[in-house]
C-alpha atoms as a PDB file:
ATOM      1  CA  MET A   1      29.782 146.277 -24.551  1.00  0.00           C
ATOM      2  CA  SER A   2      27.170 143.852 -25.980  1.00  0.00           C
ATOM      3  CA  ALA A   3      23.801 143.482 -24.286  1.00  0.00           C
ATOM      4  CA  ALA A   4      23.415 140.868 -21.672  1.00  0.00           C
ATOM      5  CA  ARG A   5      22.388 137.533 -23.118  1.00  0.00           C
ATOM      6  CA  LYS A   6      21.250 134.119 -21.770  1.00  0.00           C
ATOM      7  CA  ILE A   7      22.121 131.481 -24.322  1.00  0.00           C
ATOM      8  CA  LEU A   8      21.375 127.794 -24.598  1.00  0.00           C
ATOM      9  CA  VAL A   9      24.002 125.801 -26.446  1.00  0.00           C
ATOM     10  CA  VAL A  10      22.700 122.418 -27.594  1.00  0.00           C
ATOM     11  CA  GLY A  11      25.576 120.084 -27.869  1.00  0.00           C
ATOM     12  CA  GLY A  12      27.597 122.201 -25.591  1.00  0.00           C
ATOM     13  CA  THR A  13      29.952 119.479 -24.560  1.00  0.00           C
ATOM     14  CA  GLY A  14      30.979 118.707 -28.155  1.00  0.00           C
ATOM     15  CA  PHE A  15      33.858 119.884 -30.362  1.00  0.00           C
ATOM     16  CA  LEU A  16      32.277 123.180 -31.489  1.00  0.00           C
ATOM     17  CA  GLY A  17      29.761 123.579 -28.667  1.00  0.00           C
ATOM     18  CA  LEU A  18      32.356 123.664 -25.929  1.00  0.00           C
ATOM     19  CA  ASN A  19      34.179 126.563 -27.665  1.00  0.00           C
ATOM     20  CA  VAL A  20      30.879 128.377 -28.106  1.00  0.00           C
ATOM     21  CA  CYS A  21      30.259 128.064 -24.312  1.00  0.00           C
ATOM     22  CA  LYS A  22      33.627 129.297 -23.478  1.00  0.00           C
ATOM     23  CA  GLN A  23      33.533 132.429 -25.679  1.00  0.00           C
ATOM     24  CA  ALA A  24      30.040 133.213 -24.480  1.00  0.00           C
ATOM     25  CA  VAL A  25      31.303 133.116 -20.879  1.00  0.00           C
ATOM     26  CA  TRP A  26      34.128 135.453 -21.901  1.00  0.00           C
ATOM     27  CA  ARG A  27      31.555 137.899 -23.183  1.00  0.00           C
ATOM     28  CA  GLY A  28      29.917 137.911 -19.754  1.00  0.00           C
ATOM     29  CA  TRP A  29      26.730 136.160 -20.997  1.00  0.00           C
ATOM     30  CA  GLU A  30      24.801 133.532 -18.965  1.00  0.00           C
ATOM     31  CA  VAL A  31      25.364 130.131 -20.525  1.00  0.00           C
ATOM     32  CA  ILE A  32      23.438 126.862 -20.443  1.00  0.00           C
ATOM     33  CA  SER A  33      24.781 123.718 -22.180  1.00  0.00           C
ATOM     34  CA  LEU A  34      22.418 120.906 -23.129  1.00  0.00           C
ATOM     35  CA  SER A  35      23.846 117.551 -24.023  1.00  0.00           C
ATOM     36  CA  ARG A  36      23.233 113.880 -23.287  1.00  0.00           C
ATOM     37  CA  ARG A  37      26.111 113.647 -21.014  1.00  0.00           C
ATOM     38  CA  GLY A  38      25.647 116.858 -19.107  1.00  0.00           C
ATOM     39  CA  LEU A  39      29.179 117.667 -17.880  1.00  0.00           C
ATOM     40  CA  PRO A  40      32.098 117.795 -20.417  1.00  0.00           C
ATOM     41  CA  THR A  41      34.395 114.736 -20.589  1.00  0.00           C
ATOM     42  CA  GLY A  42      36.789 114.768 -17.725  1.00  0.00           C
ATOM     43  CA  THR A  43      34.833 117.330 -15.800  1.00  0.00           C
ATOM     44  CA  THR A  44      33.283 116.757 -12.389  1.00  0.00           C
ATOM     45  CA  SER A  45      30.931 119.070 -10.569  1.00  0.00           C
ATOM     46  CA  ASN A  46      33.712 119.746  -8.011  1.00  0.00           C
ATOM     47  CA  SER A  47      36.434 120.418 -10.550  1.00  0.00           C
ATOM     48  CA  GLN A  48      35.181 122.372 -13.516  1.00  0.00           C
ATOM     49  CA  GLY A  49      37.851 125.088 -13.359  1.00  0.00           C
ATOM     50  CA  GLU A  50      37.723 128.688 -14.485  1.00  0.00           C
ATOM     51  CA  TRP A  51      35.192 129.375 -17.307  1.00  0.00           C
ATOM     52  CA  LYS A  52      33.600 125.939 -17.144  1.00  0.00           C
ATOM     53  CA  SER A  53      32.312 126.797 -13.643  1.00  0.00           C
ATOM     54  CA  GLU A  54      30.301 129.560 -15.091  1.00  0.00           C
ATOM     55  CA  VAL A  55      28.252 127.282 -17.391  1.00  0.00           C
ATOM     56  CA  GLN A  56      25.106 125.443 -16.271  1.00  0.00           C
ATOM     57  CA  TRP A  57      25.739 122.036 -17.590  1.00  0.00           C
ATOM     58  CA  VAL A  58      22.434 120.225 -18.150  1.00  0.00           C
ATOM     59  CA  ALA A  59      21.760 116.620 -19.238  1.00  0.00           C
ATOM     60  CA  GLY A  60      18.849 116.146 -21.618  1.00  0.00           C
ATOM     61  CA  ASP A  61      17.748 114.956 -25.034  1.00  0.00           C
ATOM     62  CA  SER A  62      17.222 117.676 -27.666  1.00  0.00           C
ATOM     63  CA  THR A  63      14.535 115.512 -29.408  1.00  0.00           C
ATOM     64  CA  GLU A  64      12.545 115.437 -26.120  1.00  0.00           C
ATOM     65  CA  PRO A  65      11.278 118.852 -25.158  1.00  0.00           C
ATOM     66  CA  ASP A  66      10.134 117.671 -21.815  1.00  0.00           C
ATOM     67  CA  SER A  67      13.760 117.002 -20.801  1.00  0.00           C
ATOM     68  CA  TYR A  68      14.746 120.719 -21.222  1.00  0.00           C
ATOM     69  CA  LYS A  69      11.578 122.877 -21.168  1.00  0.00           C
ATOM     70  CA  GLU A  70      12.326 124.137 -17.670  1.00  0.00           C
ATOM     71  CA  ILE A  71      15.679 125.690 -18.744  1.00  0.00           C
ATOM     72  CA  LEU A  72      14.185 127.620 -21.571  1.00  0.00           C
ATOM     73  CA  GLU A  73      12.838 130.323 -19.317  1.00  0.00           C
ATOM     74  CA  GLY A  74      14.589 133.644 -19.897  1.00  0.00           C
ATOM     75  CA  VAL A  75      16.768 132.250 -22.727  1.00  0.00           C
ATOM     76  CA  THR A  76      17.462 134.923 -25.364  1.00  0.00           C
ATOM     77  CA  ASP A  77      19.369 132.903 -27.893  1.00  0.00           C
ATOM     78  CA  VAL A  78      19.695 129.350 -28.932  1.00  0.00           C
ATOM     79  CA  VAL A  79      22.683 127.751 -30.627  1.00  0.00           C
ATOM     80  CA  HIS A  80      22.352 124.282 -32.222  1.00  0.00           C
ATOM     81  CA  THR A  81      25.741 122.493 -32.683  1.00  0.00           C
ATOM     82  CA  VAL A  82      24.555 118.883 -32.695  1.00  0.00           C
ATOM     83  CA  GLY A  83      25.310 116.829 -35.835  1.00  0.00           C
ATOM     84  CA  ILE A  84      27.132 113.732 -37.286  1.00  0.00           C
ATOM     85  CA  LEU A  85      29.223 113.470 -40.435  1.00  0.00           C
ATOM     86  CA  MET A  86      28.912 109.702 -40.724  1.00  0.00           C
ATOM     87  CA  GLU A  87      26.696 107.194 -39.103  1.00  0.00           C
ATOM     88  CA  ASN A  88      29.678 105.555 -37.822  1.00  0.00           C
ATOM     89  CA  ASP A  89      32.890 106.382 -35.987  1.00  0.00           C
ATOM     90  CA  TYR A  90      33.540 109.957 -37.043  1.00  0.00           C
ATOM     91  CA  LYS A  91      33.353 111.189 -33.525  1.00  0.00           C
ATOM     92  CA  LYS A  92      36.083 108.767 -32.576  1.00  0.00           C
ATOM     93  CA  ILE A  93      38.383 110.463 -35.046  1.00  0.00           C
ATOM     94  CA  VAL A  94      37.544 114.060 -34.150  1.00  0.00           C
ATOM     95  CA  GLN A  95      37.725 113.422 -30.386  1.00  0.00           C
ATOM     96  CA  ALA A  96      40.911 111.320 -30.596  1.00  0.00           C
ATOM     97  CA  LYS A  97      43.531 112.405 -28.083  1.00  0.00           C
ATOM     98  CA  SER A  98      46.226 110.054 -29.466  1.00  0.00           C
ATOM     99  CA  VAL A  99      47.369 108.765 -32.880  1.00  0.00           C
ATOM    100  CA  THR A 100      46.321 105.276 -31.869  1.00  0.00           C
ATOM    101  CA  ASP A 101      42.739 106.377 -31.152  1.00  0.00           C
ATOM    102  CA  ALA A 102      42.571 108.423 -34.420  1.00  0.00           C
ATOM    103  CA  ILE A 103      43.881 105.433 -36.539  1.00  0.00           C
ATOM    104  CA  ASP A 104      41.221 103.242 -34.955  1.00  0.00           C
ATOM    105  CA  GLY A 105      38.515 105.727 -35.880  1.00  0.00           C
ATOM    106  CA  VAL A 106      39.879 106.309 -39.316  1.00  0.00           C
ATOM    107  CA  GLY A 107      39.897 102.556 -39.988  1.00  0.00           C
ATOM    108  CA  SER A 108      36.273 102.179 -38.935  1.00  0.00           C
ATOM    109  CA  VAL A 109      35.170 105.044 -41.172  1.00  0.00           C
ATOM    110  CA  PHE A 110      36.995 103.939 -44.262  1.00  0.00           C
ATOM    111  CA  GLY A 111      35.725 100.410 -43.689  1.00  0.00           C
ATOM    112  CA  GLN A 112      32.241 101.884 -44.029  1.00  0.00           C
ATOM    113  CA  LEU A 113      33.097 103.898 -47.108  1.00  0.00           C
ATOM    114  CA  LEU A 114      34.565 100.907 -48.822  1.00  0.00           C
ATOM    115  CA  GLY A 115      31.599  98.739 -47.870  1.00  0.00           C
ATOM    116  CA  MET A 116      33.693  96.523 -45.616  1.00  0.00           C
ATOM    117  CA  LYS A 117      31.661  97.249 -42.487  1.00  0.00           C
ATOM    118  CA  ASP A 118      28.086  97.713 -41.602  1.00  0.00           C
ATOM    119  CA  ASN A 119      26.766 101.180 -40.811  1.00  0.00           C
ATOM    120  CA  GLY A 120      27.058 102.066 -37.103  1.00  0.00           C
ATOM    121  CA  ASN A 121      27.007 105.249 -35.154  1.00  0.00           C
ATOM    122  CA  PRO A 122      29.279 107.221 -32.850  1.00  0.00           C
ATOM    123  CA  PHE A 123      27.718 105.663 -29.723  1.00  0.00           C
ATOM    124  CA  LYS A 124      28.176 102.094 -28.452  1.00  0.00           C
ATOM    125  CA  GLN A 125      24.827 100.353 -28.909  1.00  0.00           C
ATOM    126  CA  ASP A 126      23.147  97.097 -28.335  1.00  0.00           C
ATOM    127  CA  SER A 127      20.097  95.697 -30.004  1.00  0.00           C
ATOM    128  CA  THR A 128      17.705  97.685 -27.879  1.00  0.00           C
ATOM    129  CA  THR A 129      19.460 101.169 -28.593  1.00  0.00           C
ATOM    130  CA  PRO A 130      17.879 103.367 -31.271  1.00  0.00           C
ATOM    131  CA  LYS A 131      20.066 103.813 -34.330  1.00  0.00           C
ATOM    132  CA  VAL A 132      21.668 107.251 -34.522  1.00  0.00           C
ATOM    133  CA  THR A 133      20.873 108.583 -38.019  1.00  0.00           C
ATOM    134  CA  TYR A 134      21.453 111.748 -40.012  1.00  0.00           C
ATOM    135  CA  GLU A 135      17.706 112.473 -39.747  1.00  0.00           C
ATOM    136  CA  MET A 136      17.755 112.236 -35.965  1.00  0.00           C
ATOM    137  CA  MET A 137      20.876 114.231 -35.350  1.00  0.00           C
ATOM    138  CA  ASN A 138      21.027 116.770 -38.062  1.00  0.00           C
ATOM    139  CA  ARG A 139      17.510 117.479 -38.664  1.00  0.00           C
ATOM    140  CA  ASP A 140      15.170 116.294 -35.947  1.00  0.00           C
ATOM    141  CA  THR A 141      17.085 117.698 -33.000  1.00  0.00           C
ATOM    142  CA  ALA A 142      17.092 121.088 -34.732  1.00  0.00           C
ATOM    143  CA  ILE A 143      13.458 121.131 -35.549  1.00  0.00           C
ATOM    144  CA  SER A 144      12.285 119.832 -32.206  1.00  0.00           C
ATOM    145  CA  LEU A 145      14.338 122.630 -30.486  1.00  0.00           C
ATOM    146  CA  ALA A 146      12.929 125.257 -32.892  1.00  0.00           C
ATOM    147  CA  LYS A 147       9.297 124.309 -32.043  1.00  0.00           C
ATOM    148  CA  ALA A 148      10.140 124.723 -28.341  1.00  0.00           C
ATOM    149  CA  ALA A 149      11.947 128.004 -28.967  1.00  0.00           C
ATOM    150  CA  ALA A 150       8.985 129.311 -30.981  1.00  0.00           C
ATOM    151  CA  GLY A 151       6.918 128.840 -27.876  1.00  0.00           C
ATOM    152  CA  THR A 152       9.437 130.734 -25.616  1.00  0.00           C
ATOM    153  CA  PRO A 153       8.766 134.589 -26.011  1.00  0.00           C
ATOM    154  CA  SER A 154      12.205 135.604 -24.635  1.00  0.00           C
ATOM    155  CA  ILE A 155      14.043 133.834 -27.512  1.00  0.00           C
ATOM    156  CA  GLN A 156      15.173 136.305 -30.096  1.00  0.00           C
ATOM    157  CA  SER A 157      17.579 134.292 -32.257  1.00  0.00           C
ATOM    158  CA  TYR A 158      18.392 130.766 -33.370  1.00  0.00           C
ATOM    159  CA  ILE A 159      21.863 129.982 -34.637  1.00  0.00           C
ATOM    160  CA  TYR A 160      22.149 126.675 -36.545  1.00  0.00           C
ATOM    161  CA  VAL A 161      25.627 125.406 -37.456  1.00  0.00           C
ATOM    162  CA  SER A 162      25.121 123.580 -40.649  1.00  0.00           C
ATOM    163  CA  ALA A 163      27.845 122.680 -43.162  1.00  0.00           C
ATOM    164  CA  THR A 164      29.303 123.190 -46.641  1.00  0.00           C
ATOM    165  CA  ASP A 165      28.901 120.220 -48.845  1.00  0.00           C
ATOM    166  CA  LEU A 166      32.559 119.203 -49.048  1.00  0.00           C
ATOM    167  CA  PHE A 167      32.885 115.430 -49.114  1.00  0.00           C
ATOM    168  CA  PRO A 168      31.505 113.601 -52.136  1.00  0.00           C
ATOM    169  CA  CYS A 169      32.211 110.179 -50.533  1.00  0.00           C
ATOM    170  CA  ILE A 170      29.792 110.970 -47.587  1.00  0.00           C
ATOM    171  CA  SER A 171      26.083 110.033 -47.885  1.00  0.00           C
ATOM    172  CA  PRO A 172      24.099 112.848 -49.481  1.00  0.00           C
ATOM    173  CA  ARG A 173      21.754 112.569 -46.541  1.00  0.00           C
ATOM    174  CA  TYR A 174      24.367 114.298 -44.446  1.00  0.00           C
ATOM    175  CA  ILE A 175      23.702 117.575 -46.338  1.00  0.00           C
ATOM    176  CA  THR A 176      20.009 117.021 -47.265  1.00  0.00           C
ATOM    177  CA  THR A 177      19.107 116.558 -43.631  1.00  0.00           C
ATOM    178  CA  LYS A 178      20.863 119.825 -42.666  1.00  0.00           C
ATOM    179  CA  ARG A 179      19.216 121.710 -45.592  1.00  0.00           C
ATOM    180  CA  GLU A 180      15.834 120.387 -44.466  1.00  0.00           C
ATOM    181  CA  ALA A 181      16.483 121.765 -40.996  1.00  0.00           C
ATOM    182  CA  GLU A 182      17.575 125.107 -42.464  1.00  0.00           C
ATOM    183  CA  ARG A 183      14.351 125.422 -44.468  1.00  0.00           C
ATOM    184  CA  TYR A 184      12.241 124.763 -41.350  1.00  0.00           C
ATOM    185  CA  LEU A 185      14.099 127.441 -39.366  1.00  0.00           C
ATOM    186  CA  PHE A 186      13.596 130.019 -41.980  1.00  0.00           C
ATOM    187  CA  SER A 187       9.872 129.228 -42.008  1.00  0.00           C
ATOM    188  CA  ARG A 188       9.496 130.283 -38.356  1.00  0.00           C
ATOM    189  CA  PRO A 189       8.721 133.997 -37.913  1.00  0.00           C
ATOM    190  CA  GLU A 190       9.077 133.863 -34.096  1.00  0.00           C
ATOM    191  CA  PHE A 191      12.856 134.350 -34.052  1.00  0.00           C
ATOM    192  CA  ARG A 192      15.745 135.570 -36.109  1.00  0.00           C
ATOM    193  CA  SER A 193      17.531 132.586 -37.865  1.00  0.00           C
ATOM    194  CA  VAL A 194      21.176 132.495 -38.787  1.00  0.00           C
ATOM    195  CA  VAL A 195      22.727 129.490 -40.471  1.00  0.00           C
ATOM    196  CA  LEU A 196      26.485 129.043 -40.478  1.00  0.00           C
ATOM    197  CA  ARG A 197      27.999 126.761 -43.123  1.00  0.00           C
ATOM    198  CA  PRO A 198      31.618 126.138 -42.125  1.00  0.00           C
ATOM    199  CA  GLY A 199      33.835 123.756 -43.990  1.00  0.00           C
ATOM    200  CA  PHE A 200      36.265 121.388 -42.248  1.00  0.00           C
ATOM    201  CA  MET A 201      36.910 122.454 -38.585  1.00  0.00           C
ATOM    202  CA  TYR A 202      40.165 121.667 -36.805  1.00  0.00           C
ATOM    203  CA  SER A 203      41.825 122.346 -33.459  1.00  0.00           C
ATOM    204  CA  ASP A 204      45.180 121.768 -31.816  1.00  0.00           C
ATOM    205  CA  ALA A 205      43.128 120.011 -29.034  1.00  0.00           C
ATOM    206  CA  ARG A 206      42.041 117.407 -31.586  1.00  0.00           C
ATOM    207  CA  PRO A 207      45.363 116.185 -33.209  1.00  0.00           C
ATOM    208  CA  ALA A 208      43.520 113.972 -35.632  1.00  0.00           C
ATOM    209  CA  THR A 209      41.997 116.988 -37.448  1.00  0.00           C
ATOM    210  CA  LEU A 210      45.306 118.713 -38.203  1.00  0.00           C
ATOM    211  CA  PRO A 211      46.690 116.563 -41.146  1.00  0.00           C
ATOM    212  CA  LEU A 212      43.491 117.025 -43.168  1.00  0.00           C
ATOM    213  CA  ALA A 213      43.339 120.739 -42.396  1.00  0.00           C
ATOM    214  CA  GLY A 214      46.951 120.948 -43.731  1.00  0.00           C
ATOM    215  CA  VAL A 215      46.048 119.176 -46.922  1.00  0.00           C
ATOM    216  CA  ILE A 216      43.041 121.473 -47.456  1.00  0.00           C
ATOM    217  CA  GLU A 217      45.178 124.548 -46.802  1.00  0.00           C
ATOM    218  CA  ALA A 218      47.741 123.249 -49.376  1.00  0.00           C
ATOM    219  CA  LEU A 219      44.902 122.645 -51.898  1.00  0.00           C
ATOM    220  CA  ASN A 220      43.466 126.092 -51.249  1.00  0.00           C
ATOM    221  CA  THR A 221      46.885 127.646 -52.015  1.00  0.00           C
ATOM    222  CA  VAL A 222      47.223 125.811 -55.328  1.00  0.00           C
ATOM    223  CA  THR A 223      43.663 126.456 -56.481  1.00  0.00           C
ATOM    224  CA  GLY A 224      43.440 129.978 -55.265  1.00  0.00           C
ATOM    225  CA  PRO A 225      44.046 131.781 -58.618  1.00  0.00           C
ATOM    226  CA  CYS A 226      41.313 129.706 -60.317  1.00  0.00           C
ATOM    227  CA  SER A 227      39.143 128.743 -57.352  1.00  0.00           C
ATOM    228  CA  ARG A 228      35.935 129.698 -59.205  1.00  0.00           C
ATOM    229  CA  ASP A 229      36.520 127.288 -61.952  1.00  0.00           C
ATOM    230  CA  VAL A 230      37.869 124.586 -59.743  1.00  0.00           C
ATOM    231  CA  ALA A 231      34.805 124.761 -57.382  1.00  0.00           C
ATOM    232  CA  SER A 232      32.535 123.378 -60.154  1.00  0.00           C
ATOM    233  CA  LEU A 233      34.580 120.225 -60.474  1.00  0.00           C
ATOM    234  CA  PRO A 234      34.180 117.011 -58.592  1.00  0.00           C
ATOM    235  CA  MET A 235      35.731 117.633 -55.158  1.00  0.00           C
ATOM    236  CA  GLY A 236      36.136 121.249 -56.145  1.00  0.00           C
ATOM    237  CA  THR A 237      34.414 122.607 -53.076  1.00  0.00           C
ATOM    238  CA  LEU A 238      36.746 120.686 -50.773  1.00  0.00           C
ATOM    239  CA  MET A 239      39.750 122.059 -52.721  1.00  0.00           C
ATOM    240  CA  THR A 240      38.602 125.647 -52.588  1.00  0.00           C
ATOM    241  CA  THR A 241      36.848 125.939 -49.126  1.00  0.00           C
ATOM    242  CA  PRO A 242      39.284 126.923 -46.342  1.00  0.00           C
ATOM    243  CA  ALA A 243      39.436 124.828 -43.292  1.00  0.00           C
ATOM    244  CA  LEU A 244      38.536 126.935 -40.101  1.00  0.00           C
ATOM    245  CA  ASN A 245      39.820 126.682 -36.642  1.00  0.00           C
ATOM    246  CA  VAL A 246      36.947 125.631 -34.405  1.00  0.00           C
ATOM    247  CA  ASP A 247      37.663 128.880 -32.373  1.00  0.00           C
ATOM    248  CA  ARG A 248      36.855 131.004 -35.414  1.00  0.00           C
ATOM    249  CA  VAL A 249      33.518 129.309 -36.045  1.00  0.00           C
ATOM    250  CA  ALA A 250      32.660 129.734 -32.316  1.00  0.00           C
ATOM    251  CA  GLU A 251      33.536 133.464 -32.713  1.00  0.00           C
ATOM    252  CA  ALA A 252      31.213 133.691 -35.745  1.00  0.00           C
ATOM    253  CA  VAL A 253      28.386 132.031 -33.600  1.00  0.00           C
ATOM    254  CA  ILE A 254      28.954 134.693 -30.911  1.00  0.00           C
ATOM    255  CA  GLU A 255      28.969 137.596 -33.394  1.00  0.00           C
ATOM    256  CA  SER A 256      25.820 136.234 -35.057  1.00  0.00           C
ATOM    257  CA  ILE A 257      24.109 136.538 -31.632  1.00  0.00           C
ATOM    258  CA  ALA A 258      25.556 139.944 -30.851  1.00  0.00           C
ATOM    259  CA  ARG A 259      24.381 141.522 -34.155  1.00  0.00           C
ATOM    260  CA  PRO A 260      20.556 141.644 -33.979  1.00  0.00           C
ATOM    261  CA  THR A 261      20.002 142.672 -37.535  1.00  0.00           C
ATOM    262  CA  LEU A 262      22.055 139.731 -38.959  1.00  0.00           C
ATOM    263  CA  LYS A 263      20.020 136.826 -40.476  1.00  0.00           C
ATOM    264  CA  GLY A 264      20.227 134.363 -43.300  1.00  0.00           C
ATOM    265  CA  ILE A 265      23.045 131.934 -44.436  1.00  0.00           C
ATOM    266  CA  LEU A 266      26.758 132.559 -43.847  1.00  0.00           C
ATOM    267  CA  ASP A 267      29.354 130.412 -45.686  1.00  0.00           C
ATOM    268  CA  VAL A 268      33.053 130.409 -44.855  1.00  0.00           C
ATOM    269  CA  GLY A 269      33.726 133.702 -46.691  1.00  0.00           C
ATOM    270  CA  ASP A 270      30.771 135.390 -45.028  1.00  0.00           C
ATOM    271  CA  MET A 271      31.933 134.212 -41.553  1.00  0.00           C
ATOM    272  CA  GLU A 272      35.422 135.599 -42.122  1.00  0.00           C
ATOM    273  CA  LYS A 273      34.031 138.876 -43.349  1.00  0.00           C
ATOM    274  CA  LEU A 274      31.709 139.051 -40.223  1.00  0.00           C
ATOM    275  CA  LEU A 275      34.719 138.503 -37.988  1.00  0.00           C
ATOM    276  CA  SER A 276      36.792 141.211 -39.792  1.00  0.00           C
ATOM    277  CA  THR A 277      33.997 143.790 -39.724  1.00  0.00           C
ATOM    278  CA  PRO A 278      33.565 145.939 -36.684  1.00  0.00           C
ATOM    279  CA  PRO A 279      29.956 145.850 -35.321  1.00  0.00           C
ATOM    280  CA  PRO A 280      27.842 148.837 -36.245  1.00  0.00           C
ATOM    281  CA  GLN A 281      27.804 151.699 -33.845  1.00  0.00           C
ATOM    282  CA  PRO A 282      24.550 152.905 -32.384  1.00  0.00           C
ATOM    283  CA  ALA A 283      23.451 156.215 -33.974  1.00  0.00           C
ATOM    284  CA  ALA A 284      24.073 159.224 -31.941  1.00  0.00           C
ATOM    285  CA  PRO A 285      20.837 160.779 -30.481  1.00  0.00           C
ATOM    286  CA  VAL A 286      19.452 163.596 -32.423  1.00  0.00           C
ATOM    287  CA  SER A 287      18.692 166.764 -30.471  1.00  0.00           C
ATOM    288  CA  ALA A 288      15.187 168.171 -30.913  1.00  0.00           C
ATOM    289  CA  HIS A 289      15.049 171.854 -31.843  1.00  0.00           C
ATOM    290  CA  VAL A 290      12.222 173.832 -30.453  1.00  0.00           C
END
């Protein structure tokens, strides 16, 4: 049995974060979720149900330490799952519960890619609302949290969910902001940093993610025998990097916490290897001979 943990999942109501919270609860760990909305969508304080009732759902802003500093006490591990793929309607696609909603989101995203629509963001805004940017979501939230974590003696590890550079049509700032956050984390000696770089994530609970996952799987099958050569071509990484079920990525997050000697960057292959390798067993005590 793994040691008792108290983890803070930033973005815990999101696509990946929710699954991390669930699996941490299943491990018997104490779990706190921090997100702008607080409770998951469709959840009320009186009807959380099963594992969700075991999570402390906190509303706060990860760029504003004062909004969450009180919940850091006793936290042993931090998981950062916040991020945006596009400064537009990507969230609308991933979170779509129906084909109609997904088509609406896809149309908005392709409008941006083709230059037919001004850049927006995944939140409805008015002229007084700050623009949600790659820098804010992918980098600044991670760095702000890391600074707060560095001042919390109980925190032992920081797990940052980054990404593999898959989509050439996406602004390069998507990846550069994540890499900037990674470099900052590895500069902090106060905690163990683990960076996960999954590719495309899918889930049956997010129907709009399944078609692209199927296409990626087919491409992986075709390019498998020559994947090393294909990977160096334009869009080669997309054609050779397996899509992962969001549950697998969440499992990799949990295993990264549970293995205290693990640190560094894990790509898709590393994550799969981690999940297929039993955790090291503690050495048997050596009897002293008098």
